[in-house]
Amino acid sequence: SELGPIVQFVKAKGHSLSDGLDEVQKAEMKAY
């Protein structure tokens, strides 16, 4: 349930939308 855990679940299955971001961008994305 809920977006955060679903994103992690989908990532564990090999699907991610944010793999192309660097660490700074990932931190910025999380902040927003």
PDB file of all heavy atoms in Angstrom:
ATOM      1  N   SER A   1       0.826  -1.217   0.000  1.00  0.00           N
ATOM      2  CA  SER A   1       0.000   0.000   0.000  1.00  0.00           C
ATOM      3  C   SER A   1       0.855   1.260   0.000  1.00  0.00           C
ATOM      4  O   SER A   1       1.974   1.264   0.519  1.00  0.00           O
ATOM      5  CB  SER A   1      -0.927   0.015   1.216  1.00  0.00           C
ATOM      6  OG  SER A   1      -0.177   0.028   2.410  1.00  0.00           O
ATOM      7  N   GLU A   2       0.307   2.317  -0.594  1.00  0.00           N
ATOM      8  CA  GLU A   2       0.878   3.672  -0.644  1.00  0.00           C
ATOM      9  C   GLU A   2       2.055   3.775  -1.619  1.00  0.00           C
ATOM     10  O   GLU A   2       2.764   2.807  -1.875  1.00  0.00           O
ATOM     11  CB  GLU A   2       1.284   4.157   0.751  1.00  0.00           C
ATOM     12  CG  GLU A   2       0.111   4.196   1.739  1.00  0.00           C
ATOM     13  CD  GLU A   2       0.567   4.612   3.119  1.00  0.00           C
ATOM     14  OE1 GLU A   2       0.809   5.816   3.292  1.00  0.00           O
ATOM     15  OE2 GLU A   2       0.700   3.749   3.996  1.00  0.00           O
ATOM     16  N   LEU A   3       2.226   4.997  -2.161  1.00  0.00           N
ATOM     17  CA  LEU A   3       3.177   5.212  -3.249  1.00  0.00           C
ATOM     18  C   LEU A   3       4.614   4.838  -2.886  1.00  0.00           C
ATOM     19  O   LEU A   3       5.271   4.126  -3.651  1.00  0.00           O
ATOM     20  CB  LEU A   3       3.120   6.681  -3.717  1.00  0.00           C
ATOM     21  CG  LEU A   3       4.068   7.046  -4.866  1.00  0.00           C
ATOM     22  CD1 LEU A   3       3.760   6.257  -6.124  1.00  0.00           C
ATOM     23  CD2 LEU A   3       4.022   8.543  -5.159  1.00  0.00           C
ATOM     24  N   GLY A   4       5.128   5.304  -1.737  1.00  0.00           N
ATOM     25  CA  GLY A   4       6.530   5.035  -1.372  1.00  0.00           C
ATOM     26  C   GLY A   4       6.876   3.552  -1.375  1.00  0.00           C
ATOM     27  O   GLY A   4       7.794   3.118  -2.097  1.00  0.00           O
ATOM     28  N   PRO A   5       6.150   2.733  -0.591  1.00  0.00           N
ATOM     29  CA  PRO A   5       6.410   1.291  -0.595  1.00  0.00           C
ATOM     30  C   PRO A   5       6.179   0.631  -1.965  1.00  0.00           C
ATOM     31  O   PRO A   5       6.899  -0.298  -2.333  1.00  0.00           O
ATOM     32  CB  PRO A   5       5.415   0.753   0.440  1.00  0.00           C
ATOM     33  CG  PRO A   5       5.177   1.909   1.366  1.00  0.00           C
ATOM     34  CD  PRO A   5       5.222   3.124   0.488  1.00  0.00           C
ATOM     35  N   ILE A   6       5.198   1.132  -2.731  1.00  0.00           N
ATOM     36  CA  ILE A   6       4.936   0.565  -4.062  1.00  0.00           C
ATOM     37  C   ILE A   6       6.119   0.845  -4.987  1.00  0.00           C
ATOM     38  O   ILE A   6       6.546  -0.023  -5.755  1.00  0.00           O
ATOM     39  CB  ILE A   6       3.615   1.117  -4.648  1.00  0.00           C
ATOM     40  CG1 ILE A   6       2.419   0.512  -3.879  1.00  0.00           C
ATOM     41  CG2 ILE A   6       3.483   0.816  -6.136  1.00  0.00           C
ATOM     42  CD1 ILE A   6       1.071   1.139  -4.184  1.00  0.00           C
ATOM     43  N   VAL A   7       6.696   2.059  -4.894  1.00  0.00           N
ATOM     44  CA  VAL A   7       7.883   2.396  -5.699  1.00  0.00           C
ATOM     45  C   VAL A   7       9.028   1.439  -5.364  1.00  0.00           C
ATOM     46  O   VAL A   7       9.717   0.921  -6.265  1.00  0.00           O
ATOM     47  CB  VAL A   7       8.315   3.865  -5.453  1.00  0.00           C
ATOM     48  CG1 VAL A   7       9.708   4.138  -6.035  1.00  0.00           C
ATOM     49  CG2 VAL A   7       7.293   4.829  -6.059  1.00  0.00           C
ATOM     50  N   GLN A   8       9.248   1.179  -4.063  1.00  0.00           N
ATOM     51  CA  GLN A   8      10.313   0.264  -3.643  1.00  0.00           C
ATOM     52  C   GLN A   8      10.052  -1.164  -4.118  1.00  0.00           C
ATOM     53  O   GLN A   8      10.966  -1.870  -4.567  1.00  0.00           O
ATOM     54  CB  GLN A   8      10.457   0.282  -2.106  1.00  0.00           C
ATOM     55  CG  GLN A   8      10.972   1.589  -1.543  1.00  0.00           C
ATOM     56  CD  GLN A   8      12.284   2.033  -2.171  1.00  0.00           C
ATOM     57  OE1 GLN A   8      13.213   1.251  -2.320  1.00  0.00           O
ATOM     58  NE2 GLN A   8      12.349   3.299  -2.574  1.00  0.00           N
ATOM     59  N   PHE A   9       8.799  -1.595  -4.029  1.00  0.00           N
ATOM     60  CA  PHE A   9       8.400  -2.938  -4.472  1.00  0.00           C
ATOM     61  C   PHE A   9       8.654  -3.102  -5.975  1.00  0.00           C
ATOM     62  O   PHE A   9       9.218  -4.106  -6.423  1.00  0.00           O
ATOM     63  CB  PHE A   9       6.910  -3.144  -4.153  1.00  0.00           C
ATOM     64  CG  PHE A   9       6.317  -4.401  -4.738  1.00  0.00           C
ATOM     65  CD1 PHE A   9       6.563  -5.637  -4.159  1.00  0.00           C
ATOM     66  CD2 PHE A   9       5.496  -4.342  -5.857  1.00  0.00           C
ATOM     67  CE1 PHE A   9       6.014  -6.801  -4.703  1.00  0.00           C
ATOM     68  CE2 PHE A   9       4.935  -5.482  -6.403  1.00  0.00           C
ATOM     69  CZ  PHE A   9       5.199  -6.721  -5.827  1.00  0.00           C
ATOM     70  N   VAL A  10       8.261  -2.100  -6.752  1.00  0.00           N
ATOM     71  CA  VAL A  10       8.437  -2.144  -8.204  1.00  0.00           C
ATOM     72  C   VAL A  10       9.926  -2.112  -8.562  1.00  0.00           C
ATOM     73  O   VAL A  10      10.378  -2.804  -9.480  1.00  0.00           O
ATOM     74  CB  VAL A  10       7.663  -0.968  -8.871  1.00  0.00           C
ATOM     75  CG1 VAL A  10       8.054  -0.797 -10.333  1.00  0.00           C
ATOM     76  CG2 VAL A  10       6.147  -1.194  -8.760  1.00  0.00           C
ATOM     77  N   LYS A  11      10.697  -1.326  -7.794  1.00  0.00           N
ATOM     78  CA  LYS A  11      12.145  -1.254  -8.033  1.00  0.00           C
ATOM     79  C   LYS A  11      12.807  -2.614  -7.800  1.00  0.00           C
ATOM     80  O   LYS A  11      13.713  -3.013  -8.542  1.00  0.00           O
ATOM     81  CB  LYS A  11      12.764  -0.201  -7.112  1.00  0.00           C
ATOM     82  CG  LYS A  11      14.228   0.083  -7.420  1.00  0.00           C
ATOM     83  CD  LYS A  11      14.783   1.208  -6.560  1.00  0.00           C
ATOM     84  CE  LYS A  11      16.219   1.499  -6.949  1.00  0.00           C
ATOM     85  NZ  LYS A  11      16.804   2.584  -6.156  1.00  0.00           N
ATOM     86  N   ALA A  12      12.344  -3.310  -6.764  1.00  0.00           N
ATOM     87  CA  ALA A  12      12.895  -4.639  -6.463  1.00  0.00           C
ATOM     88  C   ALA A  12      12.603  -5.627  -7.596  1.00  0.00           C
ATOM     89  O   ALA A  12      13.308  -6.627  -7.751  1.00  0.00           O
ATOM     90  CB  ALA A  12      12.315  -5.156  -5.146  1.00  0.00           C
ATOM     91  N   LYS A  13      11.571  -5.343  -8.363  1.00  0.00           N
ATOM     92  CA  LYS A  13      11.239  -6.194  -9.511  1.00  0.00           C
ATOM     93  C   LYS A  13      11.967  -5.750 -10.786  1.00  0.00           C
ATOM     94  O   LYS A  13      11.727  -6.283 -11.871  1.00  0.00           O
ATOM     95  CB  LYS A  13       9.728  -6.187  -9.745  1.00  0.00           C
ATOM     96  CG  LYS A  13       8.949  -6.941  -8.668  1.00  0.00           C
ATOM     97  CD  LYS A  13       7.561  -7.292  -9.125  1.00  0.00           C
ATOM     98  CE  LYS A  13       6.881  -8.276  -8.200  1.00  0.00           C
ATOM     99  NZ  LYS A  13       7.483  -9.616  -8.193  1.00  0.00           N
ATOM    100  N   GLY A  14      12.814  -4.716 -10.648  1.00  0.00           N
ATOM    101  CA  GLY A  14      13.642  -4.307 -11.779  1.00  0.00           C
ATOM    102  C   GLY A  14      13.108  -3.158 -12.602  1.00  0.00           C
ATOM    103  O   GLY A  14      13.581  -2.897 -13.707  1.00  0.00           O
ATOM    104  N   HIS A  15      12.103  -2.433 -12.065  1.00  0.00           N
ATOM    105  CA  HIS A  15      11.537  -1.292 -12.799  1.00  0.00           C
ATOM    106  C   HIS A  15      11.743  -0.025 -11.962  1.00  0.00           C
ATOM    107  O   HIS A  15      11.299   0.031 -10.824  1.00  0.00           O
ATOM    108  CB  HIS A  15      10.042  -1.485 -13.050  1.00  0.00           C
ATOM    109  CG  HIS A  15       9.702  -2.781 -13.725  1.00  0.00           C
ATOM    110  ND1 HIS A  15       9.687  -2.935 -15.099  1.00  0.00           N
ATOM    111  CD2 HIS A  15       9.378  -3.990 -13.202  1.00  0.00           C
ATOM    112  CE1 HIS A  15       9.353  -4.183 -15.391  1.00  0.00           C
ATOM    113  NE2 HIS A  15       9.170  -4.839 -14.268  1.00  0.00           N
ATOM    114  N   SER A  16      12.396   0.989 -12.544  1.00  0.00           N
ATOM    115  CA  SER A  16      12.610   2.240 -11.812  1.00  0.00           C
ATOM    116  C   SER A  16      12.539   3.426 -12.755  1.00  0.00           C
ATOM    117  O   SER A  16      12.960   3.336 -13.907  1.00  0.00           O
ATOM    118  CB  SER A  16      13.962   2.218 -11.103  1.00  0.00           C
ATOM    119  OG  SER A  16      14.211   3.463 -10.490  1.00  0.00           O
ATOM    120  N   LEU A  17      11.988   4.533 -12.254  1.00  0.00           N
ATOM    121  CA  LEU A  17      11.931   5.761 -13.054  1.00  0.00           C
ATOM    122  C   LEU A  17      13.084   6.699 -12.740  1.00  0.00           C
ATOM    123  O   LEU A  17      13.360   7.614 -13.501  1.00  0.00           O
ATOM    124  CB  LEU A  17      10.605   6.501 -12.783  1.00  0.00           C
ATOM    125  CG  LEU A  17       9.308   5.824 -13.227  1.00  0.00           C
ATOM    126  CD1 LEU A  17       8.115   6.684 -12.838  1.00  0.00           C
ATOM    127  CD2 LEU A  17       9.293   5.547 -14.725  1.00  0.00           C
ATOM    128  N   SER A  18      13.752   6.474 -11.612  1.00  0.00           N
ATOM    129  CA  SER A  18      14.759   7.455 -11.169  1.00  0.00           C
ATOM    130  C   SER A  18      16.192   6.917 -11.210  1.00  0.00           C
ATOM    131  O   SER A  18      17.094   7.537 -10.657  1.00  0.00           O
ATOM    132  CB  SER A  18      14.425   7.948  -9.753  1.00  0.00           C
ATOM    133  OG  SER A  18      14.211   6.869  -8.882  1.00  0.00           O
ATOM    134  N   ASP A  19      16.415   5.791 -11.883  1.00  0.00           N
ATOM    135  CA  ASP A  19      17.778   5.248 -11.973  1.00  0.00           C
ATOM    136  C   ASP A  19      18.736   6.180 -12.690  1.00  0.00           C
ATOM    137  O   ASP A  19      19.936   6.188 -12.424  1.00  0.00           O
ATOM    138  CB  ASP A  19      17.758   3.894 -12.712  1.00  0.00           C
ATOM    139  CG  ASP A  19      17.469   2.749 -11.749  1.00  0.00           C
ATOM    140  OD1 ASP A  19      17.407   3.012 -10.536  1.00  0.00           O
ATOM    141  OD2 ASP A  19      17.288   1.603 -12.212  1.00  0.00           O
ATOM    142  N   GLY A  20      18.199   7.001 -13.608  1.00  0.00           N
ATOM    143  CA  GLY A  20      19.057   7.894 -14.388  1.00  0.00           C
ATOM    144  C   GLY A  20      19.491   9.144 -13.636  1.00  0.00           C
ATOM    145  O   GLY A  20      20.309   9.916 -14.135  1.00  0.00           O
ATOM    146  N   LEU A  21      18.957   9.358 -12.434  1.00  0.00           N
ATOM    147  CA  LEU A  21      19.303  10.556 -11.655  1.00  0.00           C
ATOM    148  C   LEU A  21      20.579  10.317 -10.850  1.00  0.00           C
ATOM    149  O   LEU A  21      20.830   9.204 -10.383  1.00  0.00           O
ATOM    150  CB  LEU A  21      18.167  10.923 -10.697  1.00  0.00           C
ATOM    151  CG  LEU A  21      16.768  11.164 -11.286  1.00  0.00           C
ATOM    152  CD1 LEU A  21      15.816  11.599 -10.182  1.00  0.00           C
ATOM    153  CD2 LEU A  21      16.795  12.195 -12.394  1.00  0.00           C
ATOM    154  N   ASP A  22      21.370  11.385 -10.668  1.00  0.00           N
ATOM    155  CA  ASP A  22      22.526  11.246  -9.773  1.00  0.00           C
ATOM    156  C   ASP A  22      22.067  11.427  -8.319  1.00  0.00           C
ATOM    157  O   ASP A  22      20.894  11.699  -8.068  1.00  0.00           O
ATOM    158  CB  ASP A  22      23.632  12.248 -10.152  1.00  0.00           C
ATOM    159  CG  ASP A  22      23.166  13.700 -10.053  1.00  0.00           C
ATOM    160  OD1 ASP A  22      22.366  14.021  -9.158  1.00  0.00           O
ATOM    161  OD2 ASP A  22      23.628  14.524 -10.881  1.00  0.00           O
ATOM    162  N   GLU A  23      22.984  11.279  -7.388  1.00  0.00           N
ATOM    163  CA  GLU A  23      22.613  11.295  -5.960  1.00  0.00           C
ATOM    164  C   GLU A  23      22.014  12.633  -5.526  1.00  0.00           C
ATOM    165  O   GLU A  23      21.086  12.686  -4.722  1.00  0.00           O
ATOM    166  CB  GLU A  23      23.830  10.950  -5.089  1.00  0.00           C
ATOM    167  CG  GLU A  23      24.286   9.508  -5.208  1.00  0.00           C
ATOM    168  CD  GLU A  23      23.152   8.503  -5.008  1.00  0.00           C
ATOM    169  OE1 GLU A  23      22.435   8.613  -3.993  1.00  0.00           O
ATOM    170  OE2 GLU A  23      22.974   7.625  -5.866  1.00  0.00           O
ATOM    171  N   VAL A  24      22.557  13.721  -6.068  1.00  0.00           N
ATOM    172  CA  VAL A  24      22.039  15.056  -5.722  1.00  0.00           C
ATOM    173  C   VAL A  24      20.602  15.202  -6.221  1.00  0.00           C
ATOM    174  O   VAL A  24      19.716  15.692  -5.503  1.00  0.00           O
ATOM    175  CB  VAL A  24      22.935  16.167  -6.321  1.00  0.00           C
ATOM    176  CG1 VAL A  24      22.313  17.542  -6.092  1.00  0.00           C
ATOM    177  CG2 VAL A  24      24.330  16.104  -5.702  1.00  0.00           C
ATOM    178  N   GLN A  25      20.348  14.754  -7.452  1.00  0.00           N
ATOM    179  CA  GLN A  25      18.999  14.835  -8.020  1.00  0.00           C
ATOM    180  C   GLN A  25      18.017  13.951  -7.250  1.00  0.00           C
ATOM    181  O   GLN A  25      16.869  14.344  -7.026  1.00  0.00           O
ATOM    182  CB  GLN A  25      19.027  14.428  -9.497  1.00  0.00           C
ATOM    183  CG  GLN A  25      19.700  15.447 -10.397  1.00  0.00           C
ATOM    184  CD  GLN A  25      19.853  14.934 -11.826  1.00  0.00           C
ATOM    185  OE1 GLN A  25      20.219  13.779 -12.049  1.00  0.00           O
ATOM    186  NE2 GLN A  25      19.559  15.796 -12.788  1.00  0.00           N
ATOM    187  N   LYS A  26      18.482  12.778  -6.843  1.00  0.00           N
ATOM    188  CA  LYS A  26      17.603  11.881  -6.068  1.00  0.00           C
ATOM    189  C   LYS A  26      17.221  12.523  -4.732  1.00  0.00           C
ATOM    190  O   LYS A  26      16.073  12.413  -4.289  1.00  0.00           O
ATOM    191  CB  LYS A  26      18.292  10.524  -5.838  1.00  0.00           C
ATOM    192  CG  LYS A  26      18.278   9.626  -7.066  1.00  0.00           C
ATOM    193  CD  LYS A  26      18.971   8.302  -6.792  1.00  0.00           C
ATOM    194  CE  LYS A  26      18.994   7.458  -8.058  1.00  0.00           C
ATOM    195  NZ  LYS A  26      19.781   6.221  -7.884  1.00  0.00           N
ATOM    196  N   ALA A  27      18.186  13.183  -4.104  1.00  0.00           N
ATOM    197  CA  ALA A  27      17.909  13.864  -2.829  1.00  0.00           C
ATOM    198  C   ALA A  27      16.925  15.009  -3.047  1.00  0.00           C
ATOM    199  O   ALA A  27      16.005  15.227  -2.249  1.00  0.00           O
ATOM    200  CB  ALA A  27      19.210  14.384  -2.215  1.00  0.00           C
ATOM    201  N   GLU A  28      17.098  15.729  -4.158  1.00  0.00           N
ATOM    202  CA  GLU A  28      16.197  16.836  -4.478  1.00  0.00           C
ATOM    203  C   GLU A  28      14.785  16.310  -4.763  1.00  0.00           C
ATOM    204  O   GLU A  28      13.793  16.883  -4.309  1.00  0.00           O
ATOM    205  CB  GLU A  28      16.733  17.604  -5.697  1.00  0.00           C
ATOM    206  CG  GLU A  28      15.983  18.905  -5.946  1.00  0.00           C
ATOM    207  CD  GLU A  28      16.465  19.632  -7.194  1.00  0.00           C
ATOM    208  OE1 GLU A  28      17.397  19.131  -7.877  1.00  0.00           O
ATOM    209  OE2 GLU A  28      15.895  20.690  -7.493  1.00  0.00           O
ATOM    210  N   MET A  29      14.717  15.214  -5.507  1.00  0.00           N
ATOM    211  CA  MET A  29      13.415  14.617  -5.815  1.00  0.00           C
ATOM    212  C   MET A  29      12.675  14.223  -4.527  1.00  0.00           C
ATOM    213  O   MET A  29      11.489  14.508  -4.363  1.00  0.00           O
ATOM    214  CB  MET A  29      13.594  13.376  -6.701  1.00  0.00           C
ATOM    215  CG  MET A  29      12.277  12.724  -7.106  1.00  0.00           C
ATOM    216  SD  MET A  29      12.507  11.154  -7.967  1.00  0.00           S
ATOM    217  CE  MET A  29      12.902  10.067  -6.591  1.00  0.00           C
ATOM    218  N   LYS A  30      13.394  13.613  -3.607  1.00  0.00           N
ATOM    219  CA  LYS A  30      12.781  13.204  -2.330  1.00  0.00           C
ATOM    220  C   LYS A  30      12.289  14.414  -1.536  1.00  0.00           C
ATOM    221  O   LYS A  30      11.240  14.368  -0.898  1.00  0.00           O
ATOM    222  CB  LYS A  30      13.775  12.383  -1.500  1.00  0.00           C
ATOM    223  CG  LYS A  30      13.910  10.951  -1.998  1.00  0.00           C
ATOM    224  CD  LYS A  30      14.899  10.154  -1.178  1.00  0.00           C
ATOM    225  CE  LYS A  30      15.058   8.757  -1.759  1.00  0.00           C
ATOM    226  NZ  LYS A  30      16.213   8.038  -1.209  1.00  0.00           N
ATOM    227  N   ALA A  31      13.068  15.494  -1.577  1.00  0.00           N
ATOM    228  CA  ALA A  31      12.691  16.711  -0.843  1.00  0.00           C
ATOM    229  C   ALA A  31      11.389  17.288  -1.400  1.00  0.00           C
ATOM    230  O   ALA A  31      10.501  17.700  -0.645  1.00  0.00           O
ATOM    231  CB  ALA A  31      13.812  17.745  -0.926  1.00  0.00           C
ATOM    232  N   TYR A  32      11.241  17.293  -2.720  1.00  0.00           N
ATOM    233  CA  TYR A  32      10.016  17.818  -3.337  1.00  0.00           C
ATOM    234  C   TYR A  32       8.825  16.887  -3.078  1.00  0.00           C
ATOM    235  O   TYR A  32       7.693  17.348  -2.904  1.00  0.00           O
ATOM    236  CB  TYR A  32      10.213  18.045  -4.838  1.00  0.00           C
ATOM    237  CG  TYR A  32      10.833  19.388  -5.141  1.00  0.00           C
ATOM    238  CD1 TYR A  32      12.207  19.510  -5.367  1.00  0.00           C
ATOM    239  CD2 TYR A  32      10.062  20.546  -5.190  1.00  0.00           C
ATOM    240  CE1 TYR A  32      12.790  20.741  -5.634  1.00  0.00           C
ATOM    241  CE2 TYR A  32      10.635  21.790  -5.453  1.00  0.00           C
ATOM    242  CZ  TYR A  32      11.991  21.880  -5.671  1.00  0.00           C
ATOM    243  OH  TYR A  32      12.566  23.112  -5.920  1.00  0.00           O
TER     244      TYR A  32
END
